[in-house]
């Protein structure tokens, strides 16, 4: 007969065995990122972390000594999507053999490598220091980038494996001379402006996106045509002829009475309400705006985009004022005057519209303000959709549970109020 002991009890308090922990989640697949890289990369191509010239924040780049520098642009979908990645092997007749191991990405995010001019990286390193000094001298590339190479090992990798690319990038915005077997550089504002204008012309020649051209070029050049229709207040008077009606006498008892009904002269005044109709329409810029102004606006938009996207604030402001000077290679004077005239006409149209609308407490909102509100609302909706897409099914189901009258979990762990100490 077996002897039972207390160690063999089924009490959950006395049980020493613990349940096996669940298997760890496959974090490797969830942390994978999908890159679209250019073909024919060399063996020395590397992922590098460099400071972006505009924001000075570290960003990931791809550098190839043969193909140049590439910046990664994140492409995401507004709607919840997933990506299935699998091999490109040919399918066989057997269904079992046709299935291959693949990978499903929960977030449909792709990082596309786009070409990035190395001159913008160097501009952010070289040009700010040259703007402070009144006179700059020719220096070799080693001396110009010596301090930056010591601080950033990723930039040092470009210097060691891509020196020809650095020299060609420096030559775009620097004056250069050959001193023996060494090439020396000096930053030049004139060559920098020339480089920017070459990029502007290349973008315009390639063609702006239709949405960008419609919003920032056509709408900016739309001339408001204000039409005001007014009807003055008129007073019309109408006099009715005096009407006197005499009734025939009626004998009642002894007395005879005659009744007469008369109406006094009356004048009816009718006031016509004031009708003021104010409408603002916009003309087609292709008909009214000369081609020169239309082209100048394109240059203005592309130039502003380059300055605010790839150059530091101080350098962008300095070059912007330099390019808008009277002796600049590009003339924005006529465009600035035309935009000022359009702004004044829009202001007059808005004031006339607000004066003509007496039935409302406030006038019609400006078109640009309405567009900003619409864009803000659209971004909020996109953020909410992304937030909902990232939630698991269990979290969504828990939100539907009726928790009215239930205590929160934190209430069970709250400290109880201490009782009074007995004397």
Protein backbone atom coordinates (compact mmCIF):
# COMPACT_ATOMS: atom_id res chain seq x y z
CA UNK A 1 0.00 0.00 0.00
CA UNK A 2 1.45 3.29 -1.06
CA UNK A 3 1.89 5.95 1.57
CA UNK A 4 0.66 9.38 0.57
CA UNK A 5 2.53 12.39 1.84
CA UNK A 6 1.75 16.11 1.97
CA UNK A 7 4.13 16.75 -0.86
CA UNK A 8 1.72 14.95 -3.18
CA UNK A 9 -1.20 17.25 -2.40
CA UNK A 10 -3.17 18.84 -5.20
CA UNK A 11 -3.35 22.21 -3.47
CA UNK A 12 -2.38 25.03 -5.82
CA UNK A 13 -0.57 26.74 -2.96
CA UNK A 14 1.76 23.82 -2.32
CA UNK A 15 2.37 23.05 -6.01
CA UNK A 16 5.95 23.90 -6.93
CA UNK A 17 5.85 23.09 -10.61
CA UNK A 18 5.40 26.09 -12.94
CA UNK A 19 3.86 26.17 -16.37
CA UNK A 20 6.15 26.42 -19.35
CA UNK A 21 6.46 29.97 -20.69
CA UNK A 22 4.97 30.59 -24.11
CA UNK A 23 7.41 30.43 -27.00
CA UNK A 24 8.93 33.80 -27.81
CA UNK A 25 7.37 35.68 -30.66
CA UNK A 26 9.18 35.83 -33.93
CA UNK A 27 10.60 39.31 -33.53
CA UNK A 28 13.03 38.81 -36.39
CA UNK A 29 10.35 38.89 -39.05
CA UNK A 30 8.55 41.85 -37.49
CA UNK A 31 11.75 43.93 -37.38
CA UNK A 32 12.63 43.39 -41.03
CA UNK A 33 12.67 46.44 -43.29
CA UNK A 34 12.24 46.29 -47.04
CA UNK A 35 14.56 48.30 -49.27
CA UNK A 36 14.47 48.87 -53.00
CA UNK A 37 18.10 49.36 -54.03
CA UNK A 38 19.70 50.24 -57.37
CA UNK A 39 21.26 47.49 -59.41
CA UNK A 40 24.96 46.93 -60.13
CA UNK A 41 26.22 48.07 -56.74
CA UNK A 42 29.87 47.52 -55.98
CA UNK A 43 31.16 45.32 -53.18
CA UNK A 44 32.19 48.43 -51.24
CA UNK A 45 28.66 49.83 -51.10
CA UNK A 46 27.66 50.54 -47.52
CA UNK A 47 24.77 51.87 -45.45
CA UNK A 48 25.97 55.09 -43.83
CA UNK A 49 24.53 57.46 -41.25
CA UNK A 50 25.12 61.09 -42.21
CA UNK A 51 23.71 64.35 -40.93
CA UNK A 52 21.07 65.73 -43.25
CA UNK A 53 22.21 69.14 -44.55
CA UNK A 54 18.88 70.79 -43.77
CA UNK A 55 17.97 69.51 -40.31
CA UNK A 56 21.41 68.27 -39.16
CA UNK A 57 19.70 65.11 -37.89
CA UNK A 58 21.29 61.69 -38.55
CA UNK A 59 19.71 59.86 -41.47
CA UNK A 60 20.52 56.64 -43.25
CA UNK A 61 22.08 56.80 -46.72
CA UNK A 62 23.45 54.30 -49.18
CA UNK A 63 26.88 55.03 -50.62
CA UNK A 64 28.44 53.28 -53.58
CA UNK A 65 31.88 54.37 -54.84
CA UNK A 66 30.70 53.77 -58.40
CA UNK A 67 27.03 54.84 -58.32
CA UNK A 68 27.18 57.69 -55.80
CA UNK A 69 25.03 58.58 -52.78
CA UNK A 70 21.39 57.56 -52.29
CA UNK A 71 18.81 58.74 -49.79
CA UNK A 72 16.02 56.49 -48.55
CA UNK A 73 12.46 57.69 -49.00
CA UNK A 74 9.80 55.91 -47.00
CA UNK A 75 6.74 54.96 -49.04
CA UNK A 76 3.72 54.04 -46.93
CA UNK A 77 0.13 53.28 -47.82
CA UNK A 78 -2.72 55.34 -46.42
CA UNK A 79 -4.96 52.30 -46.16
CA UNK A 80 -3.96 49.22 -44.13
CA UNK A 81 -2.00 46.89 -46.40
CA UNK A 82 0.38 43.97 -46.08
CA UNK A 83 3.20 42.79 -48.32
CA UNK A 84 3.92 39.17 -49.23
CA UNK A 85 7.53 38.54 -50.20
CA UNK A 86 8.39 35.20 -51.77
CA UNK A 87 10.85 33.72 -54.20
CA UNK A 88 10.51 34.05 -57.95
CA UNK A 89 10.98 30.33 -58.68
CA UNK A 90 8.86 28.79 -61.41
CA UNK A 91 5.82 26.86 -60.23
CA UNK A 92 5.71 23.14 -60.87
CA UNK A 93 2.76 21.01 -61.70
CA UNK A 94 2.66 19.53 -58.22
CA UNK A 95 0.75 21.81 -55.88
CA UNK A 96 2.85 20.80 -52.88
CA UNK A 97 6.07 21.68 -54.65
CA UNK A 98 4.73 25.03 -55.88
CA UNK A 99 4.44 26.42 -52.34
CA UNK A 100 7.54 28.27 -51.21
CA UNK A 101 8.58 29.91 -47.98
CA UNK A 102 7.75 33.57 -47.94
CA UNK A 103 7.44 36.47 -45.55
CA UNK A 104 4.42 38.63 -44.78
CA UNK A 105 5.09 42.18 -43.68
CA UNK A 106 2.35 43.61 -41.48
CA UNK A 107 3.16 47.23 -42.38
CA UNK A 108 3.38 47.91 -46.09
CA UNK A 109 6.45 50.14 -45.81
CA UNK A 110 9.07 50.36 -48.51
CA UNK A 111 12.31 52.34 -48.39
CA UNK A 112 13.24 53.43 -51.89
CA UNK A 113 16.80 54.55 -52.57
CA UNK A 114 16.69 57.84 -54.51
CA UNK A 115 19.81 59.59 -55.86
CA UNK A 116 21.12 62.34 -53.57
CA UNK A 117 23.67 64.87 -54.75
CA UNK A 118 26.78 64.67 -52.60
CA UNK A 119 27.28 68.40 -53.15
CA UNK A 120 24.41 69.16 -50.73
CA UNK A 121 26.18 67.21 -47.97
CA UNK A 122 29.36 69.18 -48.59
CA UNK A 123 27.50 72.49 -48.86
CA UNK A 124 26.20 72.07 -45.32
CA UNK A 125 29.75 71.42 -44.09
CA UNK A 126 31.77 73.95 -46.06
CA UNK A 127 29.58 76.93 -46.95
CA UNK A 128 28.42 78.08 -43.45
CA UNK A 129 32.02 78.62 -42.32
CA UNK A 130 32.92 80.45 -45.53
CA UNK A 131 30.01 82.89 -45.11
CA UNK A 132 31.41 84.09 -41.77
CA UNK A 133 34.85 84.89 -43.16
CA UNK A 134 35.33 87.84 -45.46
CA UNK A 135 38.12 86.22 -47.43
CA UNK A 136 38.67 82.54 -48.10
CA UNK A 137 41.77 80.88 -49.49
CA UNK A 138 42.31 77.87 -51.69
CA UNK A 139 42.74 74.73 -49.61
CA UNK A 140 43.19 71.05 -50.38
CA UNK A 141 40.28 68.72 -49.79
CA UNK A 142 42.05 67.08 -46.84
CA UNK A 143 42.29 70.37 -44.93
CA UNK A 144 38.71 71.41 -45.69
CA UNK A 145 37.18 68.17 -44.42
CA UNK A 146 39.78 67.31 -41.78
CA UNK A 147 37.67 68.16 -38.73
CA UNK A 148 34.48 66.59 -40.13
CA UNK A 149 36.27 63.38 -41.07
CA UNK A 150 37.64 62.99 -37.56
CA UNK A 151 34.21 63.43 -36.00
CA UNK A 152 32.22 61.19 -38.38
CA UNK A 153 33.63 57.81 -39.35
CA UNK A 154 30.90 57.32 -41.97
CA UNK A 155 32.02 60.48 -43.75
CA UNK A 156 35.56 59.19 -43.45
CA UNK A 157 34.50 56.06 -45.32
CA UNK A 158 33.30 58.23 -48.23
CA UNK A 159 36.58 60.14 -48.11
CA UNK A 160 38.66 56.96 -48.22
CA UNK A 161 36.67 55.06 -50.87
CA UNK A 162 35.02 57.83 -52.90
CA UNK A 163 37.50 60.68 -53.16
CA UNK A 164 36.84 61.24 -56.91
CA UNK A 165 33.14 61.70 -56.15
CA UNK A 166 33.97 64.23 -53.42
CA UNK A 167 36.22 66.22 -55.74
CA UNK A 168 33.62 66.35 -58.51
CA UNK A 169 30.98 67.44 -55.97
CA UNK A 170 33.25 70.18 -54.60
CA UNK A 171 33.92 71.44 -58.13
CA UNK A 172 30.19 72.19 -58.56
CA UNK A 173 30.17 75.05 -56.03
CA UNK A 174 33.88 75.85 -55.58
CA UNK A 175 36.62 77.48 -57.60
CA UNK A 176 39.47 75.05 -58.11
CA UNK A 177 43.12 75.23 -59.10
CA UNK A 178 45.79 72.57 -59.55
CA UNK A 179 48.85 72.99 -57.34
CA UNK A 180 51.23 70.35 -58.56
CA UNK A 181 49.61 66.95 -58.19
CA UNK A 182 47.02 68.23 -55.71
CA UNK A 183 43.75 70.00 -56.40
CA UNK A 184 42.70 72.93 -54.20
CA UNK A 185 39.21 74.36 -53.70
CA UNK A 186 37.63 77.62 -52.56
CA UNK A 187 33.85 78.05 -52.02
CA UNK A 188 32.20 80.40 -54.51
CA UNK A 189 28.73 81.90 -54.17
CA UNK A 190 28.50 82.52 -57.90
CA UNK A 191 29.12 78.87 -58.71
CA UNK A 192 26.69 77.83 -55.98
CA UNK A 193 23.97 79.97 -57.53
CA UNK A 194 24.84 78.57 -60.95
CA UNK A 195 24.58 75.01 -59.61
CA UNK A 196 21.17 75.70 -58.07
CA UNK A 197 19.84 77.23 -61.28
CA UNK A 198 21.01 74.21 -63.26
CA UNK A 199 19.04 71.97 -60.91
CA UNK A 200 15.99 74.25 -61.18
CA UNK A 201 16.09 74.15 -64.98
CA UNK A 202 16.52 70.37 -64.94
CA UNK A 203 13.44 69.92 -62.74
CA UNK A 204 11.33 72.23 -64.93
CA UNK A 205 12.50 70.47 -68.08
CA UNK A 206 11.53 67.12 -66.60
CA UNK A 207 8.13 68.53 -65.64
CA UNK A 208 6.47 69.32 -62.35
CA UNK A 209 3.82 67.00 -60.91
CA UNK A 210 0.34 68.01 -62.01
CA UNK A 211 -0.96 68.54 -58.48
CA UNK A 212 2.05 70.64 -57.48
CA UNK A 213 1.86 72.80 -60.60
CA UNK A 214 -1.87 73.36 -60.15
CA UNK A 215 -1.59 74.36 -56.48
CA UNK A 216 1.61 76.40 -56.41
CA UNK A 217 1.82 77.78 -59.95
CA UNK A 218 -1.61 78.13 -61.54
CA UNK A 219 -3.55 79.09 -58.42
CA UNK A 220 -0.91 81.57 -57.32
CA UNK A 221 -1.20 83.36 -60.65
CA UNK A 222 -5.00 83.37 -60.78
CA UNK A 223 -6.27 86.93 -61.09
CA UNK A 224 -9.49 87.53 -59.12
CA UNK A 225 -12.18 89.28 -61.14
CA UNK A 226 -14.51 91.10 -58.76
CA UNK A 227 -18.04 91.71 -60.03
CA UNK A 228 -20.40 93.74 -57.87
CA UNK A 229 -24.09 94.08 -58.67
CA UNK A 230 -25.97 96.75 -56.75
CA UNK A 231 -29.54 97.97 -56.75
CA UNK A 232 -30.15 101.28 -55.01
CA UNK A 233 -32.98 101.71 -52.56
CA UNK A 234 -36.07 103.22 -54.20
CA UNK A 235 -39.21 104.62 -52.65
CA UNK A 236 -42.47 104.34 -54.57
CA UNK A 237 -45.51 106.30 -53.38
CA UNK A 238 -49.03 105.47 -54.36
CA UNK A 239 -51.99 107.81 -53.56
CA UNK A 240 -55.42 106.38 -53.65
CA UNK A 241 -58.20 108.64 -54.78
CA UNK A 242 -60.58 109.68 -52.11
CA UNK A 243 -63.67 107.49 -52.24
CA UNK A 244 -66.84 108.81 -50.69
CA UNK A 245 -69.82 106.56 -50.58
CA UNK A 246 -73.22 108.00 -49.48
CA UNK A 247 -75.94 105.55 -48.59
CA UNK A 248 -79.58 106.16 -49.30
CA UNK A 249 -81.64 107.50 -46.38
CA UNK A 250 -83.64 104.98 -44.38
CA UNK A 251 -86.70 106.08 -42.35
CA UNK A 252 -86.92 104.43 -39.00
CA UNK A 253 -89.62 105.59 -36.70
CA UNK A 254 -89.59 109.36 -36.70
CA UNK A 255 -85.91 110.11 -37.25
CA UNK A 256 -84.19 109.59 -40.52
CA UNK A 257 -80.52 109.13 -40.55
CA UNK A 258 -78.09 109.13 -43.40
CA UNK A 259 -74.88 107.30 -43.18
CA UNK A 260 -71.83 108.16 -45.21
CA UNK A 261 -68.75 106.11 -45.48
CA UNK A 262 -65.62 107.93 -46.42
CA UNK A 263 -62.03 106.96 -46.56
CA UNK A 264 -59.30 109.50 -45.98
CA UNK A 265 -56.61 109.94 -48.55
CA UNK A 266 -53.91 107.32 -47.96
CA UNK A 267 -50.41 107.08 -49.26
CA UNK A 268 -48.71 103.70 -49.40
CA UNK A 269 -44.93 103.69 -49.32
CA UNK A 270 -43.05 100.59 -50.46
CA UNK A 271 -39.33 100.29 -49.90
CA UNK A 272 -37.27 98.08 -52.12
CA UNK A 273 -34.61 96.26 -50.18
CA UNK A 274 -31.00 96.78 -51.10
CA UNK A 275 -29.62 93.94 -53.15
CA UNK A 276 -25.88 93.66 -53.30
CA UNK A 277 -24.30 90.72 -55.00
CA UNK A 278 -20.57 90.29 -54.79
CA UNK A 279 -18.80 87.45 -56.48
CA UNK A 280 -15.16 86.68 -57.05
CA UNK A 281 -14.07 84.59 -59.98
CA UNK A 282 -10.61 83.65 -61.12
CA UNK A 283 -9.35 83.88 -64.65
CA UNK A 284 -7.33 81.24 -66.43
CA UNK A 285 -3.64 82.09 -66.01
CA UNK A 286 -2.81 80.59 -69.38
CA UNK A 287 -4.86 83.34 -71.06
CA UNK A 288 -3.92 86.41 -68.99
CA UNK A 289 -0.44 85.70 -67.61
CA UNK A 290 2.52 85.93 -69.98
CA UNK A 291 4.65 82.86 -70.51
CA UNK A 292 7.62 84.62 -68.93
CA UNK A 293 5.78 85.12 -65.63
CA UNK A 294 4.47 81.57 -65.70
CA UNK A 295 8.00 80.23 -66.19
CA UNK A 296 9.34 82.53 -63.46
CA UNK A 297 6.75 81.19 -61.03
CA UNK A 298 7.88 77.65 -61.81
CA UNK A 299 11.46 78.66 -61.12
CA UNK A 300 10.37 80.35 -57.90
CA UNK A 301 8.55 77.25 -56.65
CA UNK A 302 11.36 74.81 -57.49
CA UNK A 303 14.01 77.11 -56.03
CA UNK A 304 12.12 77.52 -52.76
CA UNK A 305 11.70 73.75 -52.54
CA UNK A 306 15.43 73.14 -52.99
CA UNK A 307 16.41 75.82 -50.48
CA UNK A 308 14.05 74.61 -47.74
CA UNK A 309 14.78 70.91 -48.35
CA UNK A 310 18.52 70.54 -48.84
CA UNK A 311 20.31 73.57 -47.37
CA UNK A 312 20.74 74.91 -43.82
CA UNK A 313 18.68 77.91 -42.76
CA UNK A 314 21.52 80.42 -42.80
CA UNK A 315 22.80 79.29 -46.18
CA UNK A 316 19.29 79.17 -47.67
CA UNK A 317 18.44 82.70 -46.51
CA UNK A 318 21.74 84.08 -47.79
CA UNK A 319 21.43 82.45 -51.20
CA UNK A 320 17.76 83.43 -51.50
CA UNK A 321 18.57 87.11 -50.92
CA UNK A 322 21.50 86.80 -53.30
CA UNK A 323 19.38 85.33 -56.09
CA UNK A 324 16.63 87.93 -55.64
CA UNK A 325 19.00 90.87 -55.88
CA UNK A 326 18.77 93.29 -58.77
CA UNK A 327 22.05 92.13 -60.31
CA UNK A 328 21.18 88.43 -60.10
CA UNK A 329 21.25 86.12 -63.10
CA UNK A 330 17.54 85.39 -62.66
CA UNK A 331 15.07 88.28 -62.48
CA UNK A 332 12.12 87.87 -60.12
CA UNK A 333 11.21 91.58 -60.10
CA UNK A 334 8.29 91.36 -62.51
CA UNK A 335 7.01 88.22 -60.79
CA UNK A 336 7.14 89.82 -57.34
CA UNK A 337 5.23 92.86 -58.59
CA UNK A 338 2.61 90.65 -60.21
CA UNK A 339 2.15 88.60 -57.03
CA UNK A 340 1.81 91.78 -54.96
CA UNK A 341 -0.88 93.05 -57.31
CA UNK A 342 -2.76 89.75 -57.06
CA UNK A 343 -2.51 89.86 -53.26
CA UNK A 344 -3.97 93.37 -53.16
CA UNK A 345 -6.79 92.36 -55.51
CA UNK A 346 -7.61 89.35 -53.34
CA UNK A 347 -7.67 91.61 -50.30
CA UNK A 348 -10.08 93.99 -52.01
CA UNK A 349 -12.28 91.09 -53.07
CA UNK A 350 -12.35 89.73 -49.53
CA UNK A 351 -13.26 93.11 -48.05
CA UNK A 352 -16.00 93.67 -50.62
CA UNK A 353 -17.34 90.21 -50.00
CA UNK A 354 -17.47 90.78 -46.25
CA UNK A 355 -19.22 94.15 -46.68
CA UNK A 356 -21.79 92.77 -49.07
CA UNK A 357 -22.79 89.83 -46.89
CA UNK A 358 -25.01 91.42 -44.22
CA UNK A 359 -27.07 88.30 -43.54
CA UNK A 360 -24.19 86.43 -41.93
CA UNK A 361 -22.30 87.20 -38.78
CA UNK A 362 -19.01 86.64 -40.51
CA UNK A 363 -17.90 86.66 -44.12
CA UNK A 364 -16.84 83.78 -46.27
CA UNK A 365 -13.56 82.17 -45.33
CA UNK A 366 -10.54 82.57 -47.47
CA UNK A 367 -9.87 79.79 -49.96
CA UNK A 368 -6.38 79.12 -48.65
CA UNK A 369 -7.61 78.89 -45.05
CA UNK A 370 -10.27 76.42 -46.13
CA UNK A 371 -7.67 74.33 -47.93
CA UNK A 372 -5.46 74.29 -44.84
CA UNK A 373 -8.35 73.13 -42.68
CA UNK A 374 -9.25 70.44 -45.19
CA UNK A 375 -5.66 69.23 -45.32
CA UNK A 376 -5.46 69.20 -41.52
CA UNK A 377 -8.67 67.19 -41.30
CA UNK A 378 -7.42 64.74 -43.90
CA UNK A 379 -4.18 64.22 -41.98
CA UNK A 380 -6.10 63.59 -38.77
CA UNK A 381 -8.22 60.97 -40.54
CA UNK A 382 -5.11 59.30 -41.93
CA UNK A 383 -3.50 59.22 -38.48
CA UNK A 384 -6.63 57.71 -36.97
CA UNK A 385 -6.73 55.05 -39.70
CA UNK A 386 -3.07 54.18 -39.11
CA UNK A 387 -3.66 54.01 -35.37
CA UNK A 388 -6.63 51.70 -35.82
CA UNK A 389 -4.70 49.54 -38.27
CA UNK A 390 -1.92 49.03 -35.71
CA UNK A 391 -4.30 47.79 -33.01
CA UNK A 392 -4.76 44.07 -32.53
CA UNK A 393 -8.10 42.36 -32.73
CA UNK A 394 -8.14 41.75 -28.99
CA UNK A 395 -7.74 45.45 -28.24
CA UNK A 396 -10.57 46.31 -30.61
CA UNK A 397 -12.83 43.70 -29.01
CA UNK A 398 -12.04 44.97 -25.51
CA UNK A 399 -13.18 48.45 -26.49
CA UNK A 400 -16.65 47.05 -27.21
CA UNK A 401 -17.04 45.52 -23.73
CA UNK A 402 -19.46 47.29 -21.42
CA UNK A 403 -17.43 48.16 -18.30
CA UNK A 404 -20.11 50.25 -16.63
CA UNK A 405 -20.01 49.70 -12.86
CA UNK A 406 -16.79 47.69 -12.95
CA UNK A 407 -13.73 48.66 -11.00
CA UNK A 408 -10.44 49.27 -12.68
CA UNK A 409 -7.49 46.97 -12.03
CA UNK A 410 -5.61 49.81 -10.36
CA UNK A 411 -8.27 50.00 -7.64
CA UNK A 412 -7.30 46.54 -6.34
CA UNK A 413 -3.68 47.59 -5.86
CA UNK A 414 -4.35 50.94 -4.24
CA UNK A 415 -3.21 51.41 -0.68
CA UNK A 416 -5.91 51.25 1.95
CA UNK A 417 -6.34 54.34 4.13
CA UNK A 418 -4.52 53.84 7.44
CA UNK A 419 -6.67 53.53 10.56
CA UNK A 420 -6.36 55.69 13.60
CA UNK A 421 -3.71 54.59 16.08
CA UNK A 422 -5.21 53.64 19.41
CA UNK A 423 -3.80 55.45 22.37
